[in-house]
Amino acid sequence: MPILQIEHAVRDYDVWKMAFDSDPVGREQGGVRRYRVLRPTDDPNYIIVDLEFDTSDEAEAFRAALRGLWGRVGDDLGLDGPRARIVEAVESKEY
């Protein structure tokens, strides 16, 4: 399962979260099956988001749409150094 992993700093988490919750790119319509929002325990203004897709093509298309969005509103949201890469889980185990 391809995962689009996004990382960036934000100026204000609450402002970013409102924008994320408004879903401006359309996660479900874009093929996102599941997402997780993570933050380091020592830096509440750094965001990591994992978006899971069925196909790499869907993940690539969504990444392109995100880059377009970041170009339009990234400064307004206080995004610093957004990075998006597609990764694939190669092993997982639950205890």
N, C-alpha and C. Protein backbone atom coordinates (compact mmCIF):
# COMPACT_ATOMS: atom_id res chain seq x y z
N MET A 1 0.84 -1.17 0.00
CA MET A 1 0.00 0.00 0.00
C MET A 1 0.89 1.24 0.00
N PRO A 2 0.81 2.08 -1.01
CA PRO A 2 1.60 3.32 -1.06
C PRO A 2 1.10 4.30 0.00
N ILE A 3 2.06 4.98 0.62
CA ILE A 3 1.76 5.98 1.64
C ILE A 3 2.44 7.28 1.22
N LEU A 4 1.65 8.33 1.10
CA LEU A 4 2.20 9.65 0.85
C LEU A 4 2.50 10.25 2.22
N GLN A 5 3.78 10.42 2.52
CA GLN A 5 4.20 10.92 3.81
C GLN A 5 4.60 12.38 3.66
N ILE A 6 3.94 13.22 4.45
CA ILE A 6 4.11 14.67 4.36
C ILE A 6 4.69 15.15 5.68
N GLU A 7 5.67 16.05 5.59
CA GLU A 7 6.28 16.63 6.79
C GLU A 7 6.51 18.11 6.57
N HIS A 8 6.22 18.89 7.60
CA HIS A 8 6.56 20.31 7.56
C HIS A 8 6.31 20.95 8.91
N ALA A 9 6.96 22.06 9.14
CA ALA A 9 6.70 22.87 10.31
C ALA A 9 5.51 23.78 10.01
N VAL A 10 4.80 24.18 11.06
CA VAL A 10 3.69 25.13 10.92
C VAL A 10 3.88 26.24 11.96
N ARG A 11 3.37 27.40 11.63
CA ARG A 11 3.44 28.52 12.56
C ARG A 11 2.47 28.33 13.72
N ASP A 12 1.27 27.80 13.41
CA ASP A 12 0.23 27.63 14.42
C ASP A 12 -0.53 26.35 14.10
N TYR A 13 -0.40 25.34 14.96
CA TYR A 13 -1.04 24.05 14.71
C TYR A 13 -2.55 24.18 14.54
N ASP A 14 -3.21 24.96 15.38
CA ASP A 14 -4.67 25.07 15.32
C ASP A 14 -5.14 25.65 13.98
N VAL A 15 -4.42 26.63 13.47
CA VAL A 15 -4.76 27.20 12.16
C VAL A 15 -4.55 26.15 11.07
N TRP A 16 -3.43 25.46 11.13
CA TRP A 16 -3.16 24.40 10.15
C TRP A 16 -4.23 23.32 10.22
N LYS A 17 -4.62 22.91 11.45
CA LYS A 17 -5.60 21.82 11.61
C LYS A 17 -6.96 22.21 11.04
N MET A 18 -7.36 23.45 11.20
CA MET A 18 -8.63 23.91 10.61
C MET A 18 -8.56 23.78 9.08
N ALA A 19 -7.43 24.17 8.51
CA ALA A 19 -7.28 24.06 7.05
C ALA A 19 -7.27 22.59 6.63
N PHE A 20 -6.57 21.74 7.38
CA PHE A 20 -6.53 20.31 7.07
C PHE A 20 -7.93 19.72 7.13
N ASP A 21 -8.69 20.05 8.18
CA ASP A 21 -10.04 19.52 8.34
C ASP A 21 -10.99 20.00 7.26
N SER A 22 -10.71 21.17 6.67
CA SER A 22 -11.57 21.65 5.57
C SER A 22 -11.35 20.86 4.29
N ASP A 23 -10.26 20.09 4.24
CA ASP A 23 -9.98 19.15 3.15
C ASP A 23 -10.00 19.81 1.77
N PRO A 24 -9.15 20.81 1.55
CA PRO A 24 -9.19 21.57 0.30
C PRO A 24 -8.82 20.78 -0.96
N VAL A 25 -8.11 19.68 -0.84
CA VAL A 25 -7.73 18.90 -2.01
C VAL A 25 -8.71 17.75 -2.25
N GLY A 26 -9.47 17.38 -1.24
CA GLY A 26 -10.44 16.29 -1.39
C GLY A 26 -9.80 14.93 -1.21
N ARG A 27 -9.49 14.59 0.04
CA ARG A 27 -8.77 13.34 0.30
C ARG A 27 -9.54 12.12 -0.20
N GLU A 28 -10.79 11.98 0.16
CA GLU A 28 -11.54 10.78 -0.24
C GLU A 28 -11.66 10.69 -1.76
N GLN A 29 -11.99 11.80 -2.41
CA GLN A 29 -12.11 11.80 -3.86
C GLN A 29 -10.77 11.55 -4.54
N GLY A 30 -9.68 11.89 -3.86
CA GLY A 30 -8.34 11.69 -4.41
C GLY A 30 -7.77 10.31 -4.17
N GLY A 31 -8.55 9.45 -3.52
CA GLY A 31 -8.11 8.07 -3.34
C GLY A 31 -7.52 7.74 -1.99
N VAL A 32 -7.53 8.68 -1.06
CA VAL A 32 -6.99 8.40 0.28
C VAL A 32 -7.91 7.40 0.97
N ARG A 33 -7.31 6.33 1.47
CA ARG A 33 -8.06 5.28 2.19
C ARG A 33 -8.04 5.51 3.69
N ARG A 34 -6.95 6.06 4.18
CA ARG A 34 -6.77 6.26 5.62
C ARG A 34 -5.70 7.32 5.79
N TYR A 35 -5.80 8.09 6.88
CA TYR A 35 -4.72 9.03 7.18
C TYR A 35 -4.42 9.04 8.66
N ARG A 36 -3.22 9.48 8.98
CA ARG A 36 -2.79 9.70 10.36
C ARG A 36 -2.06 11.03 10.42
N VAL A 37 -2.35 11.80 11.44
CA VAL A 37 -1.64 13.05 11.71
C VAL A 37 -0.79 12.81 12.95
N LEU A 38 0.50 13.10 12.84
CA LEU A 38 1.45 12.88 13.93
C LEU A 38 2.20 14.17 14.22
N ARG A 39 2.61 14.30 15.49
CA ARG A 39 3.46 15.42 15.89
C ARG A 39 4.53 14.89 16.84
N PRO A 40 5.76 15.37 16.71
CA PRO A 40 6.77 15.00 17.69
C PRO A 40 6.36 15.51 19.07
N THR A 41 6.64 14.74 20.09
CA THR A 41 6.26 15.15 21.44
C THR A 41 7.01 16.39 21.91
N ASP A 42 8.15 16.66 21.31
CA ASP A 42 8.93 17.83 21.72
C ASP A 42 8.79 19.02 20.77
N ASP A 43 7.91 18.91 19.77
CA ASP A 43 7.73 20.02 18.82
C ASP A 43 6.30 20.01 18.29
N PRO A 44 5.36 20.65 18.99
CA PRO A 44 3.96 20.62 18.59
C PRO A 44 3.66 21.39 17.31
N ASN A 45 4.63 22.11 16.78
CA ASN A 45 4.42 22.84 15.53
C ASN A 45 5.12 22.18 14.35
N TYR A 46 5.40 20.90 14.47
CA TYR A 46 5.92 20.11 13.35
C TYR A 46 4.91 19.01 13.08
N ILE A 47 4.55 18.84 11.82
CA ILE A 47 3.47 17.94 11.43
C ILE A 47 4.01 16.83 10.52
N ILE A 48 3.53 15.63 10.76
CA ILE A 48 3.78 14.50 9.87
C ILE A 48 2.42 13.89 9.56
N VAL A 49 2.12 13.74 8.29
CA VAL A 49 0.84 13.17 7.87
C VAL A 49 1.13 11.98 6.96
N ASP A 50 0.50 10.86 7.25
CA ASP A 50 0.57 9.68 6.39
C ASP A 50 -0.78 9.50 5.72
N LEU A 51 -0.79 9.49 4.40
CA LEU A 51 -2.00 9.26 3.61
C LEU A 51 -1.83 7.94 2.87
N GLU A 52 -2.72 7.00 3.07
CA GLU A 52 -2.62 5.68 2.43
C GLU A 52 -3.51 5.61 1.20
N PHE A 53 -2.97 5.01 0.14
CA PHE A 53 -3.65 4.88 -1.15
C PHE A 53 -3.62 3.43 -1.61
N ASP A 54 -4.48 3.10 -2.57
CA ASP A 54 -4.46 1.78 -3.19
C ASP A 54 -3.36 1.66 -4.24
N THR A 55 -3.06 2.79 -4.93
CA THR A 55 -2.09 2.73 -6.02
C THR A 55 -1.08 3.88 -5.93
N SER A 56 0.09 3.64 -6.49
CA SER A 56 1.10 4.70 -6.55
C SER A 56 0.66 5.85 -7.43
N ASP A 57 -0.10 5.56 -8.48
CA ASP A 57 -0.59 6.63 -9.36
C ASP A 57 -1.48 7.61 -8.60
N GLU A 58 -2.34 7.08 -7.72
CA GLU A 58 -3.19 7.96 -6.91
C GLU A 58 -2.35 8.81 -5.97
N ALA A 59 -1.34 8.20 -5.36
CA ALA A 59 -0.47 8.93 -4.45
C ALA A 59 0.30 10.02 -5.19
N GLU A 60 0.79 9.72 -6.37
CA GLU A 60 1.52 10.71 -7.19
C GLU A 60 0.62 11.88 -7.57
N ALA A 61 -0.61 11.58 -8.00
CA ALA A 61 -1.55 12.63 -8.39
C ALA A 61 -1.89 13.52 -7.19
N PHE A 62 -2.06 12.91 -6.04
CA PHE A 62 -2.39 13.68 -4.85
C PHE A 62 -1.21 14.55 -4.43
N ARG A 63 -0.01 14.01 -4.54
CA ARG A 63 1.19 14.79 -4.22
C ARG A 63 1.27 16.02 -5.12
N ALA A 64 0.98 15.85 -6.39
CA ALA A 64 1.00 16.98 -7.32
C ALA A 64 -0.04 18.03 -6.92
N ALA A 65 -1.23 17.58 -6.54
CA ALA A 65 -2.28 18.50 -6.12
C ALA A 65 -1.87 19.25 -4.85
N LEU A 66 -1.23 18.54 -3.92
CA LEU A 66 -0.76 19.20 -2.68
C LEU A 66 0.29 20.26 -2.98
N ARG A 67 1.20 19.96 -3.86
CA ARG A 67 2.24 20.94 -4.20
C ARG A 67 1.61 22.20 -4.78
N GLY A 68 0.57 22.03 -5.60
CA GLY A 68 -0.14 23.19 -6.12
C GLY A 68 -0.80 23.99 -5.01
N LEU A 69 -1.42 23.31 -4.07
CA LEU A 69 -2.05 23.97 -2.93
C LEU A 69 -1.01 24.72 -2.10
N TRP A 70 0.10 24.06 -1.81
CA TRP A 70 1.15 24.70 -1.02
C TRP A 70 1.66 25.97 -1.69
N GLY A 71 1.74 25.95 -3.03
CA GLY A 71 2.19 27.13 -3.75
C GLY A 71 1.22 28.30 -3.61
N ARG A 72 -0.06 27.99 -3.43
CA ARG A 72 -1.08 29.04 -3.31
C ARG A 72 -1.28 29.52 -1.87
N VAL A 73 -1.24 28.62 -0.89
CA VAL A 73 -1.62 29.00 0.47
C VAL A 73 -0.57 28.66 1.53
N GLY A 74 0.55 28.12 1.13
CA GLY A 74 1.57 27.71 2.09
C GLY A 74 2.03 28.82 3.00
N ASP A 75 2.24 30.01 2.46
CA ASP A 75 2.67 31.14 3.28
C ASP A 75 1.57 31.56 4.26
N ASP A 76 0.33 31.57 3.80
CA ASP A 76 -0.79 31.95 4.66
C ASP A 76 -0.93 31.00 5.85
N LEU A 77 -0.64 29.72 5.63
CA LEU A 77 -0.76 28.73 6.69
C LEU A 77 0.50 28.61 7.53
N GLY A 78 1.53 29.32 7.14
CA GLY A 78 2.77 29.26 7.89
C GLY A 78 3.53 27.97 7.71
N LEU A 79 3.38 27.34 6.54
CA LEU A 79 4.12 26.11 6.27
C LEU A 79 5.59 26.43 6.05
N ASP A 80 6.44 25.64 6.64
CA ASP A 80 7.87 25.83 6.49
C ASP A 80 8.49 24.53 5.99
N GLY A 81 9.00 24.56 4.77
CA GLY A 81 9.71 23.42 4.19
C GLY A 81 8.87 22.18 3.97
N PRO A 82 7.67 22.31 3.38
CA PRO A 82 6.87 21.10 3.17
C PRO A 82 7.59 20.10 2.28
N ARG A 83 7.51 18.84 2.69
CA ARG A 83 8.14 17.75 1.94
C ARG A 83 7.14 16.62 1.85
N ALA A 84 7.03 16.03 0.68
CA ALA A 84 6.13 14.91 0.48
C ALA A 84 6.86 13.83 -0.30
N ARG A 85 6.82 12.62 0.23
CA ARG A 85 7.46 11.50 -0.45
C ARG A 85 6.52 10.31 -0.37
N ILE A 86 6.65 9.44 -1.34
CA ILE A 86 5.83 8.23 -1.37
C ILE A 86 6.68 7.09 -0.84
N VAL A 87 6.16 6.44 0.18
CA VAL A 87 6.85 5.30 0.79
C VAL A 87 5.92 4.11 0.74
N GLU A 88 6.49 2.96 0.95
CA GLU A 88 5.70 1.73 0.97
C GLU A 88 6.08 0.93 2.22
N ALA A 89 5.09 0.48 2.93
CA ALA A 89 5.35 -0.36 4.11
C ALA A 89 5.89 -1.70 3.63
N VAL A 90 7.02 -2.10 4.17
CA VAL A 90 7.61 -3.38 3.78
C VAL A 90 7.46 -4.43 4.87
N GLU A 91 7.18 -3.97 6.08
CA GLU A 91 6.94 -4.93 7.15
C GLU A 91 6.21 -4.23 8.29
N SER A 92 5.33 -4.95 8.93
CA SER A 92 4.59 -4.44 10.07
C SER A 92 4.21 -5.61 10.95
N LYS A 93 4.26 -5.38 12.26
CA LYS A 93 3.88 -6.44 13.19
C LYS A 93 3.25 -5.79 14.41
N GLU A 94 2.19 -6.38 14.89
CA GLU A 94 1.54 -5.88 16.10
C GLU A 94 1.83 -6.80 17.27
N TYR A 95 1.98 -6.23 18.44
CA TYR A 95 2.22 -6.98 19.67
C TYR A 95 1.08 -6.75 20.64
